[in-house]
Amino acid sequence: DRTIMNNHGYSVEAGESRTGSVSVMLPFR
């Protein structure tokens, strides 16, 4: 996804549909 931020808020635009597992490591809980 693509994220855009400004002083008032933010928007997230969905990326192209994909398949397969997604792995994410959080730096804190």
PDB file of all heavy atoms in Angstrom:
ATOM      1  N   ASP A   1       0.839  -1.203   0.000  1.00  0.00           N
ATOM      2  CA  ASP A   1       0.000   0.000   0.000  1.00  0.00           C
ATOM      3  C   ASP A   1       0.875   1.255   0.000  1.00  0.00           C
ATOM      4  O   ASP A   1       2.047   1.225   0.374  1.00  0.00           O
ATOM      5  CB  ASP A   1      -0.912   0.007   1.232  1.00  0.00           C
ATOM      6  CG  ASP A   1      -1.793  -1.221   1.313  1.00  0.00           C
ATOM      7  OD1 ASP A   1      -2.129  -1.784   0.255  1.00  0.00           O
ATOM      8  OD2 ASP A   1      -2.143  -1.625   2.440  1.00  0.00           O
ATOM      9  N   ARG A   2       0.266   2.356  -0.391  1.00  0.00           N
ATOM     10  CA  ARG A   2       0.957   3.649  -0.439  1.00  0.00           C
ATOM     11  C   ARG A   2       0.333   4.589   0.578  1.00  0.00           C
ATOM     12  O   ARG A   2      -0.889   4.732   0.635  1.00  0.00           O
ATOM     13  CB  ARG A   2       0.857   4.240  -1.849  1.00  0.00           C
ATOM     14  CG  ARG A   2       1.527   5.600  -2.020  1.00  0.00           C
ATOM     15  CD  ARG A   2       1.573   5.954  -3.498  1.00  0.00           C
ATOM     16  NE  ARG A   2       2.117   7.295  -3.722  1.00  0.00           N
ATOM     17  CZ  ARG A   2       1.385   8.370  -4.010  1.00  0.00           C
ATOM     18  NH1 ARG A   2       0.064   8.251  -4.127  1.00  0.00           N
ATOM     19  NH2 ARG A   2       1.951   9.541  -4.204  1.00  0.00           N
ATOM     20  N   THR A   3       1.167   5.225   1.392  1.00  0.00           N
ATOM     21  CA  THR A   3       0.696   6.111   2.452  1.00  0.00           C
ATOM     22  C   THR A   3       1.140   7.538   2.174  1.00  0.00           C
ATOM     23  O   THR A   3       2.294   7.775   1.807  1.00  0.00           O
ATOM     24  CB  THR A   3       1.244   5.667   3.823  1.00  0.00           C
ATOM     25  OG1 THR A   3       0.833   4.325   4.076  1.00  0.00           O
ATOM     26  CG2 THR A   3       0.713   6.556   4.927  1.00  0.00           C
ATOM     27  N   ILE A   4       0.212   8.480   2.346  1.00  0.00           N
ATOM     28  CA  ILE A   4       0.505   9.910   2.184  1.00  0.00           C
ATOM     29  C   ILE A   4       0.059  10.618   3.457  1.00  0.00           C
ATOM     30  O   ILE A   4      -1.043  10.367   3.966  1.00  0.00           O
ATOM     31  CB  ILE A   4      -0.226  10.496   0.962  1.00  0.00           C
ATOM     32  CG1 ILE A   4       0.201   9.759  -0.308  1.00  0.00           C
ATOM     33  CG2 ILE A   4       0.046  11.991   0.842  1.00  0.00           C
ATOM     34  CD1 ILE A   4      -0.597  10.177  -1.537  1.00  0.00           C
ATOM     35  N   MET A   5       0.896  11.521   3.977  1.00  0.00           N
ATOM     36  CA  MET A   5       0.594  12.237   5.218  1.00  0.00           C
ATOM     37  C   MET A   5       0.654  13.735   4.988  1.00  0.00           C
ATOM     38  O   MET A   5       1.434  14.212   4.157  1.00  0.00           O
ATOM     39  CB  MET A   5       1.596  11.852   6.305  1.00  0.00           C
ATOM     40  CG  MET A   5       1.499  10.418   6.766  1.00  0.00           C
ATOM     41  SD  MET A   5       2.980   9.898   7.667  1.00  0.00           S
ATOM     42  CE  MET A   5       4.041   9.405   6.298  1.00  0.00           C
ATOM     43  N   ASN A   6      -0.169  14.472   5.737  1.00  0.00           N
ATOM     44  CA  ASN A   6      -0.078  15.932   5.757  1.00  0.00           C
ATOM     45  C   ASN A   6      -0.469  16.416   7.151  1.00  0.00           C
ATOM     46  O   ASN A   6      -0.670  15.610   8.072  1.00  0.00           O
ATOM     47  CB  ASN A   6      -0.955  16.564   4.668  1.00  0.00           C
ATOM     48  CG  ASN A   6      -2.421  16.167   4.792  1.00  0.00           C
ATOM     49  OD1 ASN A   6      -2.967  16.114   5.897  1.00  0.00           O
ATOM     50  ND2 ASN A   6      -3.066  15.898   3.668  1.00  0.00           N
ATOM     51  N   ASN A   7      -0.581  17.706   7.327  1.00  0.00           N
ATOM     52  CA  ASN A   7      -0.877  18.247   8.654  1.00  0.00           C
ATOM     53  C   ASN A   7      -2.256  17.856   9.171  1.00  0.00           C
ATOM     54  O   ASN A   7      -2.497  17.853  10.379  1.00  0.00           O
ATOM     55  CB  ASN A   7      -0.759  19.776   8.638  1.00  0.00           C
ATOM     56  CG  ASN A   7       0.672  20.237   8.447  1.00  0.00           C
ATOM     57  OD1 ASN A   7       1.604  19.508   8.763  1.00  0.00           O
ATOM     58  ND2 ASN A   7       0.845  21.443   7.926  1.00  0.00           N
ATOM     59  N   HIS A   8      -3.165  17.559   8.273  1.00  0.00           N
ATOM     60  CA  HIS A   8      -4.551  17.298   8.673  1.00  0.00           C
ATOM     61  C   HIS A   8      -4.842  15.818   8.903  1.00  0.00           C
ATOM     62  O   HIS A   8      -5.781  15.471   9.608  1.00  0.00           O
ATOM     63  CB  HIS A   8      -5.509  17.841   7.622  1.00  0.00           C
ATOM     64  CG  HIS A   8      -5.320  19.309   7.341  1.00  0.00           C
ATOM     65  ND1 HIS A   8      -5.637  20.280   8.253  1.00  0.00           N
ATOM     66  CD2 HIS A   8      -4.805  19.948   6.253  1.00  0.00           C
ATOM     67  CE1 HIS A   8      -5.343  21.477   7.757  1.00  0.00           C
ATOM     68  NE2 HIS A   8      -4.840  21.301   6.546  1.00  0.00           N
ATOM     69  N   GLY A   9      -4.051  14.954   8.285  1.00  0.00           N
ATOM     70  CA  GLY A   9      -4.327  13.533   8.421  1.00  0.00           C
ATOM     71  C   GLY A   9      -3.482  12.717   7.482  1.00  0.00           C
ATOM     72  O   GLY A   9      -2.366  13.102   7.120  1.00  0.00           O
ATOM     73  N   TYR A  10      -4.027  11.600   7.041  1.00  0.00           N
ATOM     74  CA  TYR A  10      -3.268  10.682   6.207  1.00  0.00           C
ATOM     75  C   TYR A  10      -4.218   9.922   5.295  1.00  0.00           C
ATOM     76  O   TYR A  10      -5.436   9.861   5.524  1.00  0.00           O
ATOM     77  CB  TYR A  10      -2.479   9.697   7.076  1.00  0.00           C
ATOM     78  CG  TYR A  10      -3.364   8.819   7.949  1.00  0.00           C
ATOM     79  CD1 TYR A  10      -3.720   7.535   7.558  1.00  0.00           C
ATOM     80  CD2 TYR A  10      -3.851   9.280   9.174  1.00  0.00           C
ATOM     81  CE1 TYR A  10      -4.527   6.742   8.348  1.00  0.00           C
ATOM     82  CE2 TYR A  10      -4.658   8.497   9.973  1.00  0.00           C
ATOM     83  CZ  TYR A  10      -4.996   7.217   9.556  1.00  0.00           C
ATOM     84  OH  TYR A  10      -5.812   6.433  10.340  1.00  0.00           O
ATOM     85  N   SER A  11      -3.645   9.347   4.245  1.00  0.00           N
ATOM     86  CA  SER A  11      -4.417   8.482   3.359  1.00  0.00           C
ATOM     87  C   SER A  11      -3.587   7.250   3.044  1.00  0.00           C
ATOM     88  O   SER A  11      -2.359   7.306   2.992  1.00  0.00           O
ATOM     89  CB  SER A  11      -4.809   9.201   2.067  1.00  0.00           C
ATOM     90  OG  SER A  11      -3.654   9.523   1.301  1.00  0.00           O
ATOM     91  N   VAL A  12      -4.275   6.148   2.882  1.00  0.00           N
ATOM     92  CA  VAL A  12      -3.636   4.890   2.499  1.00  0.00           C
ATOM     93  C   VAL A  12      -4.338   4.393   1.250  1.00  0.00           C
ATOM     94  O   VAL A  12      -5.555   4.253   1.226  1.00  0.00           O
ATOM     95  CB  VAL A  12      -3.743   3.841   3.626  1.00  0.00           C
ATOM     96  CG1 VAL A  12      -3.036   2.548   3.219  1.00  0.00           C
ATOM     97  CG2 VAL A  12      -3.161   4.382   4.925  1.00  0.00           C
ATOM     98  N   GLU A  13      -3.561   4.137   0.203  1.00  0.00           N
ATOM     99  CA  GLU A  13      -4.104   3.610  -1.048  1.00  0.00           C
ATOM    100  C   GLU A  13      -3.679   2.164  -1.204  1.00  0.00           C
ATOM    101  O   GLU A  13      -2.497   1.835  -1.076  1.00  0.00           O
ATOM    102  CB  GLU A  13      -3.604   4.441  -2.232  1.00  0.00           C
ATOM    103  CG  GLU A  13      -4.099   5.871  -2.212  1.00  0.00           C
ATOM    104  CD  GLU A  13      -3.634   6.652  -3.429  1.00  0.00           C
ATOM    105  OE1 GLU A  13      -2.996   6.037  -4.304  1.00  0.00           O
ATOM    106  OE2 GLU A  13      -3.926   7.861  -3.496  1.00  0.00           O
ATOM    107  N   ALA A  14      -4.652   1.296  -1.481  1.00  0.00           N
ATOM    108  CA  ALA A  14      -4.378  -0.135  -1.582  1.00  0.00           C
ATOM    109  C   ALA A  14      -3.475  -0.421  -2.766  1.00  0.00           C
ATOM    110  O   ALA A  14      -3.666   0.113  -3.870  1.00  0.00           O
ATOM    111  CB  ALA A  14      -5.684  -0.907  -1.705  1.00  0.00           C
ATOM    112  N   GLY A  15      -2.474  -1.270  -2.540  1.00  0.00           N
ATOM    113  CA  GLY A  15      -1.608  -1.698  -3.624  1.00  0.00           C
ATOM    114  C   GLY A  15      -2.286  -2.753  -4.482  1.00  0.00           C
ATOM    115  O   GLY A  15      -3.416  -3.174  -4.230  1.00  0.00           O
ATOM    116  N   GLU A  16      -1.583  -3.199  -5.511  1.00  0.00           N
ATOM    117  CA  GLU A  16      -2.123  -4.231  -6.389  1.00  0.00           C
ATOM    118  C   GLU A  16      -2.325  -5.528  -5.610  1.00  0.00           C
ATOM    119  O   GLU A  16      -1.559  -5.859  -4.712  1.00  0.00           O
ATOM    120  CB  GLU A  16      -1.166  -4.480  -7.554  1.00  0.00           C
ATOM    121  CG  GLU A  16      -1.017  -3.289  -8.491  1.00  0.00           C
ATOM    122  CD  GLU A  16      -0.101  -3.612  -9.652  1.00  0.00           C
ATOM    123  OE1 GLU A  16       0.342  -4.785  -9.743  1.00  0.00           O
ATOM    124  OE2 GLU A  16       0.176  -2.702 -10.455  1.00  0.00           O
ATOM    125  N   SER A  17      -3.383  -6.229  -5.987  1.00  0.00           N
ATOM    126  CA  SER A  17      -3.697  -7.481  -5.308  1.00  0.00           C
ATOM    127  C   SER A  17      -2.580  -8.496  -5.538  1.00  0.00           C
ATOM    128  O   SER A  17      -2.110  -8.686  -6.658  1.00  0.00           O
ATOM    129  CB  SER A  17      -5.020  -8.034  -5.830  1.00  0.00           C
ATOM    130  OG  SER A  17      -5.331  -9.251  -5.208  1.00  0.00           O
ATOM    131  N   ARG A  18      -2.136  -9.110  -4.446  1.00  0.00           N
ATOM    132  CA  ARG A  18      -1.066 -10.099  -4.520  1.00  0.00           C
ATOM    133  C   ARG A  18      -1.468 -11.352  -3.760  1.00  0.00           C
ATOM    134  O   ARG A  18      -2.457 -11.374  -3.028  1.00  0.00           O
ATOM    135  CB  ARG A  18       0.232  -9.532  -3.920  1.00  0.00           C
ATOM    136  CG  ARG A  18       0.735  -8.268  -4.608  1.00  0.00           C
ATOM    137  CD  ARG A  18       1.969  -7.743  -3.895  1.00  0.00           C
ATOM    138  NE  ARG A  18       2.420  -6.463  -4.433  1.00  0.00           N
ATOM    139  CZ  ARG A  18       3.433  -5.763  -3.941  1.00  0.00           C
ATOM    140  NH1 ARG A  18       4.093  -6.216  -2.886  1.00  0.00           N
ATOM    141  NH2 ARG A  18       3.777  -4.614  -4.491  1.00  0.00           N
ATOM    142  N   THR A  19      -0.680 -12.410  -3.925  1.00  0.00           N
ATOM    143  CA  THR A  19      -0.900 -13.646  -3.197  1.00  0.00           C
ATOM    144  C   THR A  19       0.368 -13.965  -2.399  1.00  0.00           C
ATOM    145  O   THR A  19       1.378 -13.291  -2.532  1.00  0.00           O
ATOM    146  CB  THR A  19      -1.224 -14.806  -4.147  1.00  0.00           C
ATOM    147  OG1 THR A  19      -0.129 -14.971  -5.065  1.00  0.00           O
ATOM    148  CG2 THR A  19      -2.499 -14.529  -4.927  1.00  0.00           C
ATOM    149  N   GLY A  20       0.281 -14.988  -1.596  1.00  0.00           N
ATOM    150  CA  GLY A  20       1.445 -15.402  -0.821  1.00  0.00           C
ATOM    151  C   GLY A  20       1.463 -14.793   0.561  1.00  0.00           C
ATOM    152  O   GLY A  20       0.747 -13.837   0.869  1.00  0.00           O
ATOM    153  N   SER A  21       2.320 -15.332   1.413  1.00  0.00           N
ATOM    154  CA  SER A  21       2.417 -14.916   2.791  1.00  0.00           C
ATOM    155  C   SER A  21       3.098 -13.556   2.917  1.00  0.00           C
ATOM    156  O   SER A  21       3.964 -13.200   2.114  1.00  0.00           O
ATOM    157  CB  SER A  21       3.187 -15.964   3.593  1.00  0.00           C
ATOM    158  OG  SER A  21       3.306 -15.589   4.937  1.00  0.00           O
ATOM    159  N   VAL A  22       2.698 -12.799   3.930  1.00  0.00           N
ATOM    160  CA  VAL A  22       3.313 -11.510   4.247  1.00  0.00           C
ATOM    161  C   VAL A  22       4.010 -11.642   5.597  1.00  0.00           C
ATOM    162  O   VAL A  22       3.415 -12.142   6.561  1.00  0.00           O
ATOM    163  CB  VAL A  22       2.262 -10.387   4.310  1.00  0.00           C
ATOM    164  CG1 VAL A  22       2.916  -9.060   4.695  1.00  0.00           C
ATOM    165  CG2 VAL A  22       1.550 -10.252   2.971  1.00  0.00           C
ATOM    166  N   SER A  23       5.255 -11.201   5.663  1.00  0.00           N
ATOM    167  CA  SER A  23       6.018 -11.236   6.910  1.00  0.00           C
ATOM    168  C   SER A  23       6.367  -9.821   7.335  1.00  0.00           C
ATOM    169  O   SER A  23       6.858  -9.030   6.528  1.00  0.00           O
ATOM    170  CB  SER A  23       7.302 -12.061   6.746  1.00  0.00           C
ATOM    171  OG  SER A  23       7.005 -13.418   6.479  1.00  0.00           O
ATOM    172  N   VAL A  24       6.097  -9.505   8.591  1.00  0.00           N
ATOM    173  CA  VAL A  24       6.376  -8.181   9.150  1.00  0.00           C
ATOM    174  C   VAL A  24       7.014  -8.380  10.519  1.00  0.00           C
ATOM    175  O   VAL A  24       6.542  -9.209  11.316  1.00  0.00           O
ATOM    176  CB  VAL A  24       5.105  -7.329   9.293  1.00  0.00           C
ATOM    177  CG1 VAL A  24       5.431  -5.956   9.869  1.00  0.00           C
ATOM    178  CG2 VAL A  24       4.380  -7.196   7.956  1.00  0.00           C
ATOM    179  N   MET A  25       8.062  -7.620  10.798  1.00  0.00           N
ATOM    180  CA  MET A  25       8.672  -7.634  12.130  1.00  0.00           C
ATOM    181  C   MET A  25       8.448  -6.273  12.777  1.00  0.00           C
ATOM    182  O   MET A  25       8.880  -5.247  12.244  1.00  0.00           O
ATOM    183  CB  MET A  25      10.169  -7.916  12.041  1.00  0.00           C
ATOM    184  CG  MET A  25      10.916  -7.761  13.370  1.00  0.00           C
ATOM    185  SD  MET A  25      10.369  -8.916  14.666  1.00  0.00           S
ATOM    186  CE  MET A  25      11.088 -10.445  14.039  1.00  0.00           C
ATOM    187  N   LEU A  26       7.753  -6.254  13.912  1.00  0.00           N
ATOM    188  CA  LEU A  26       7.527  -5.002  14.625  1.00  0.00           C
ATOM    189  C   LEU A  26       8.730  -4.689  15.516  1.00  0.00           C
ATOM    190  O   LEU A  26       9.255  -5.577  16.179  1.00  0.00           O
ATOM    191  CB  LEU A  26       6.269  -5.095  15.487  1.00  0.00           C
ATOM    192  CG  LEU A  26       4.938  -5.280  14.754  1.00  0.00           C
ATOM    193  CD1 LEU A  26       3.793  -5.373  15.759  1.00  0.00           C
ATOM    194  CD2 LEU A  26       4.685  -4.159  13.755  1.00  0.00           C
ATOM    195  N   PRO A  27       9.167  -3.431  15.569  1.00  0.00           N
ATOM    196  CA  PRO A  27      10.288  -3.072  16.440  1.00  0.00           C
ATOM    197  C   PRO A  27       9.922  -3.078  17.919  1.00  0.00           C
ATOM    198  O   PRO A  27      10.788  -3.185  18.772  1.00  0.00           O
ATOM    199  CB  PRO A  27      10.670  -1.678  15.958  1.00  0.00           C
ATOM    200  CG  PRO A  27       9.427  -1.129  15.356  1.00  0.00           C
ATOM    201  CD  PRO A  27       8.714  -2.301  14.749  1.00  0.00           C
ATOM    202  N   PHE A  28       8.631  -2.930  18.221  1.00  0.00           N
ATOM    203  CA  PHE A  28       8.141  -3.051  19.591  1.00  0.00           C
ATOM    204  C   PHE A  28       6.706  -3.548  19.528  1.00  0.00           C
ATOM    205  O   PHE A  28       6.081  -3.558  18.468  1.00  0.00           O
ATOM    206  CB  PHE A  28       8.227  -1.722  20.354  1.00  0.00           C
ATOM    207  CG  PHE A  28       7.411  -0.607  19.761  1.00  0.00           C
ATOM    208  CD1 PHE A  28       6.118  -0.378  20.187  1.00  0.00           C
ATOM    209  CD2 PHE A  28       7.951   0.222  18.779  1.00  0.00           C
ATOM    210  CE1 PHE A  28       5.354   0.647  19.650  1.00  0.00           C
ATOM    211  CE2 PHE A  28       7.195   1.248  18.231  1.00  0.00           C
ATOM    212  CZ  PHE A  28       5.900   1.468  18.669  1.00  0.00           C
ATOM    213  N   ARG A  29       6.184  -3.969  20.658  1.00  0.00           N
ATOM    214  CA  ARG A  29       4.890  -4.670  20.681  1.00  0.00           C
ATOM    215  C   ARG A  29       3.715  -3.690  20.648  1.00  0.00           C
ATOM    216  O   ARG A  29       2.989  -3.523  21.633  1.00  0.00           O
ATOM    217  CB  ARG A  29       4.811  -5.578  21.904  1.00  0.00           C
ATOM    218  CG  ARG A  29       5.890  -6.640  21.937  1.00  0.00           C
ATOM    219  CD  ARG A  29       5.731  -7.577  23.129  1.00  0.00           C
ATOM    220  NE  ARG A  29       6.869  -8.475  23.257  1.00  0.00           N
ATOM    221  CZ  ARG A  29       7.020  -9.612  22.572  1.00  0.00           C
ATOM    222  NH1 ARG A  29       6.080  -9.971  21.705  1.00  0.00           N
ATOM    223  NH2 ARG A  29       8.076 -10.376  22.735  1.00  0.00           N
TER     224      ARG A  29
END
